[in-house]
Amino acid sequence: MWEAILKNGLKVSEMTSKWSDVKGAIERLSYIYNGTRFDLPPSTEFIQYKSASASLFGGNIEIESQTIGFILNDKKILFRFYFKINKIETIVE
């Protein structure tokens, strides 16, 4: 679950706000995964998205992973958290 401190000092999280409503106003971004808090460094842009799957025959949508990241010197630094296999992947683009 992501948590953020906005430029106006307000604290928001995935449980209280939509990413699309706050992404441009984030001052600091953190992610809590299995009880561990990951604090990202300051950045001009933060990234967050999820991947999910669902059966073609209906049923529930299952979130498979969530990715958070930031821009550093024109590079995207991403951390992908895989829920099913309990794995964290670091990606530099």
C-alpha atoms as a PDB file:
ATOM      1  CA  MET A   1       0.000   0.000   0.000  1.00  0.00           C
ATOM      2  CA  TRP A   2       1.389   3.398  -0.907  1.00  0.00           C
ATOM      3  CA  GLU A   3       1.365   6.380   1.430  1.00  0.00           C
ATOM      4  CA  ALA A   4       2.241   9.924   0.448  1.00  0.00           C
ATOM      5  CA  ILE A   5       2.845  13.339   1.920  1.00  0.00           C
ATOM      6  CA  LEU A   6       1.553  16.001  -0.411  1.00  0.00           C
ATOM      7  CA  LYS A   7       3.179  19.362  -1.091  1.00  0.00           C
ATOM      8  CA  ASN A   8       0.544  20.986   1.158  1.00  0.00           C
ATOM      9  CA  GLY A   9       1.539  18.678   4.059  1.00  0.00           C
ATOM     10  CA  LEU A  10      -1.546  16.451   3.879  1.00  0.00           C
ATOM     11  CA  LYS A  11      -0.949  12.724   4.432  1.00  0.00           C
ATOM     12  CA  VAL A  12      -2.844  10.414   2.064  1.00  0.00           C
ATOM     13  CA  SER A  13      -2.777   6.725   1.252  1.00  0.00           C
ATOM     14  CA  GLU A  14      -4.109   4.165  -1.151  1.00  0.00           C
ATOM     15  CA  MET A  15      -6.989   3.631   1.283  1.00  0.00           C
ATOM     16  CA  THR A  16      -8.039   7.305   1.369  1.00  0.00           C
ATOM     17  CA  SER A  17      -7.234   8.736  -2.071  1.00  0.00           C
ATOM     18  CA  LYS A  18      -7.085   7.910  -5.748  1.00  0.00           C
ATOM     19  CA  TRP A  19      -3.593   7.978  -7.268  1.00  0.00           C
ATOM     20  CA  SER A  20      -4.851  10.029 -10.209  1.00  0.00           C
ATOM     21  CA  ASP A  21      -6.107  12.724  -7.810  1.00  0.00           C
ATOM     22  CA  VAL A  22      -2.816  13.157  -5.910  1.00  0.00           C
ATOM     23  CA  LYS A  23       0.053  12.046  -8.178  1.00  0.00           C
ATOM     24  CA  GLY A  24       0.979  15.583  -9.250  1.00  0.00           C
ATOM     25  CA  ALA A  25       1.023  16.902  -5.678  1.00  0.00           C
ATOM     26  CA  ILE A  26       3.236  14.275  -4.014  1.00  0.00           C
ATOM     27  CA  GLU A  27       6.207  15.537  -2.037  1.00  0.00           C
ATOM     28  CA  ARG A  28       7.256  12.176  -0.488  1.00  0.00           C
ATOM     29  CA  LEU A  29       6.149   8.630  -1.345  1.00  0.00           C
ATOM     30  CA  SER A  30       6.402   5.440   0.709  1.00  0.00           C
ATOM     31  CA  TYR A  31       5.249   1.879   0.186  1.00  0.00           C
ATOM     32  CA  ILE A  32       4.414  -0.642   2.902  1.00  0.00           C
ATOM     33  CA  TYR A  33       4.943  -4.299   1.942  1.00  0.00           C
ATOM     34  CA  ASN A  34       4.715  -7.203   4.378  1.00  0.00           C
ATOM     35  CA  GLY A  35       5.327  -4.880   7.321  1.00  0.00           C
ATOM     36  CA  THR A  36       8.360  -3.170   5.760  1.00  0.00           C
ATOM     37  CA  ARG A  37       8.251   0.499   4.799  1.00  0.00           C
ATOM     38  CA  PHE A  38      10.094   1.630   1.650  1.00  0.00           C
ATOM     39  CA  ASP A  39      10.686   5.401   1.593  1.00  0.00           C
ATOM     40  CA  LEU A  40      11.454   6.746  -1.870  1.00  0.00           C
ATOM     41  CA  PRO A  41      13.777   9.729  -2.285  1.00  0.00           C
ATOM     42  CA  PRO A  42      12.451  13.131  -3.345  1.00  0.00           C
ATOM     43  CA  SER A  43      11.603  13.335  -7.038  1.00  0.00           C
ATOM     44  CA  THR A  44       9.878  15.565  -9.555  1.00  0.00           C
ATOM     45  CA  GLU A  45       7.655  12.640 -10.589  1.00  0.00           C
ATOM     46  CA  PHE A  46       6.381   9.499  -8.888  1.00  0.00           C
ATOM     47  CA  ILE A  47       4.905   6.418 -10.568  1.00  0.00           C
ATOM     48  CA  GLN A  48       2.384   3.831  -9.349  1.00  0.00           C
ATOM     49  CA  TYR A  49       0.433   1.119 -11.139  1.00  0.00           C
ATOM     50  CA  LYS A  50      -0.918  -2.395 -10.626  1.00  0.00           C
ATOM     51  CA  SER A  51      -1.185  -5.512 -12.755  1.00  0.00           C
ATOM     52  CA  ALA A  52      -4.142  -7.834 -12.462  1.00  0.00           C
ATOM     53  CA  SER A  53      -5.663 -10.899 -14.054  1.00  0.00           C
ATOM     54  CA  ALA A  54      -9.143 -12.284 -14.475  1.00  0.00           C
ATOM     55  CA  SER A  55     -10.685 -15.333 -16.043  1.00  0.00           C
ATOM     56  CA  LEU A  56     -12.242 -14.897 -19.471  1.00  0.00           C
ATOM     57  CA  PHE A  57     -15.246 -16.768 -18.087  1.00  0.00           C
ATOM     58  CA  GLY A  58     -15.918 -14.273 -15.312  1.00  0.00           C
ATOM     59  CA  GLY A  59     -15.060 -14.216 -11.660  1.00  0.00           C
ATOM     60  CA  ASN A  60     -12.963 -12.001  -9.481  1.00  0.00           C
ATOM     61  CA  ILE A  61     -10.118  -9.798 -10.630  1.00  0.00           C
ATOM     62  CA  GLU A  62      -6.883 -10.650  -8.851  1.00  0.00           C
ATOM     63  CA  ILE A  63      -4.171  -8.042  -8.253  1.00  0.00           C
ATOM     64  CA  GLU A  64      -0.866  -9.776  -9.066  1.00  0.00           C
ATOM     65  CA  SER A  65       1.636  -6.975  -8.533  1.00  0.00           C
ATOM     66  CA  GLN A  66       1.993  -3.320  -7.706  1.00  0.00           C
ATOM     67  CA  THR A  67       4.754  -1.049  -8.941  1.00  0.00           C
ATOM     68  CA  ILE A  68       5.948   2.218  -7.440  1.00  0.00           C
ATOM     69  CA  GLY A  69       8.826   4.354  -8.572  1.00  0.00           C
ATOM     70  CA  PHE A  70      10.364   7.722  -9.209  1.00  0.00           C
ATOM     71  CA  ILE A  71      12.378   9.646 -11.794  1.00  0.00           C
ATOM     72  CA  LEU A  72      16.087  10.195 -11.119  1.00  0.00           C
ATOM     73  CA  ASN A  73      18.320  11.914 -13.701  1.00  0.00           C
ATOM     74  CA  ASP A  74      15.951  11.034 -16.587  1.00  0.00           C
ATOM     75  CA  LYS A  75      15.811   7.370 -15.467  1.00  0.00           C
ATOM     76  CA  LYS A  76      12.785   5.560 -14.069  1.00  0.00           C
ATOM     77  CA  ILE A  77      13.608   3.617 -10.914  1.00  0.00           C
ATOM     78  CA  LEU A  78      10.792   1.142 -10.271  1.00  0.00           C
ATOM     79  CA  PHE A  79      10.063  -1.402  -7.554  1.00  0.00           C
ATOM     80  CA  ARG A  80       7.582  -4.130  -8.466  1.00  0.00           C
ATOM     81  CA  PHE A  81       6.010  -6.076  -5.605  1.00  0.00           C
ATOM     82  CA  TYR A  82       4.680  -9.507  -6.604  1.00  0.00           C
ATOM     83  CA  PHE A  83       1.990 -10.549  -4.136  1.00  0.00           C
ATOM     84  CA  LYS A  84       1.572 -14.233  -5.054  1.00  0.00           C
ATOM     85  CA  ILE A  85       5.245 -15.177  -4.988  1.00  0.00           C
ATOM     86  CA  ASN A  86       6.364 -12.626  -2.368  1.00  0.00           C
ATOM     87  CA  LYS A  87       9.083 -11.160  -4.587  1.00  0.00           C
ATOM     88  CA  ILE A  88      10.381  -7.620  -5.106  1.00  0.00           C
ATOM     89  CA  GLU A  89      11.936  -6.652  -8.444  1.00  0.00           C
ATOM     90  CA  THR A  90      13.988  -3.511  -9.120  1.00  0.00           C
ATOM     91  CA  ILE A  91      13.742  -2.080 -12.644  1.00  0.00           C
ATOM     92  CA  VAL A  92      15.726   0.793 -14.172  1.00  0.00           C
ATOM     93  CA  GLU A  93      14.422   2.178 -17.469  1.00  0.00           C
END
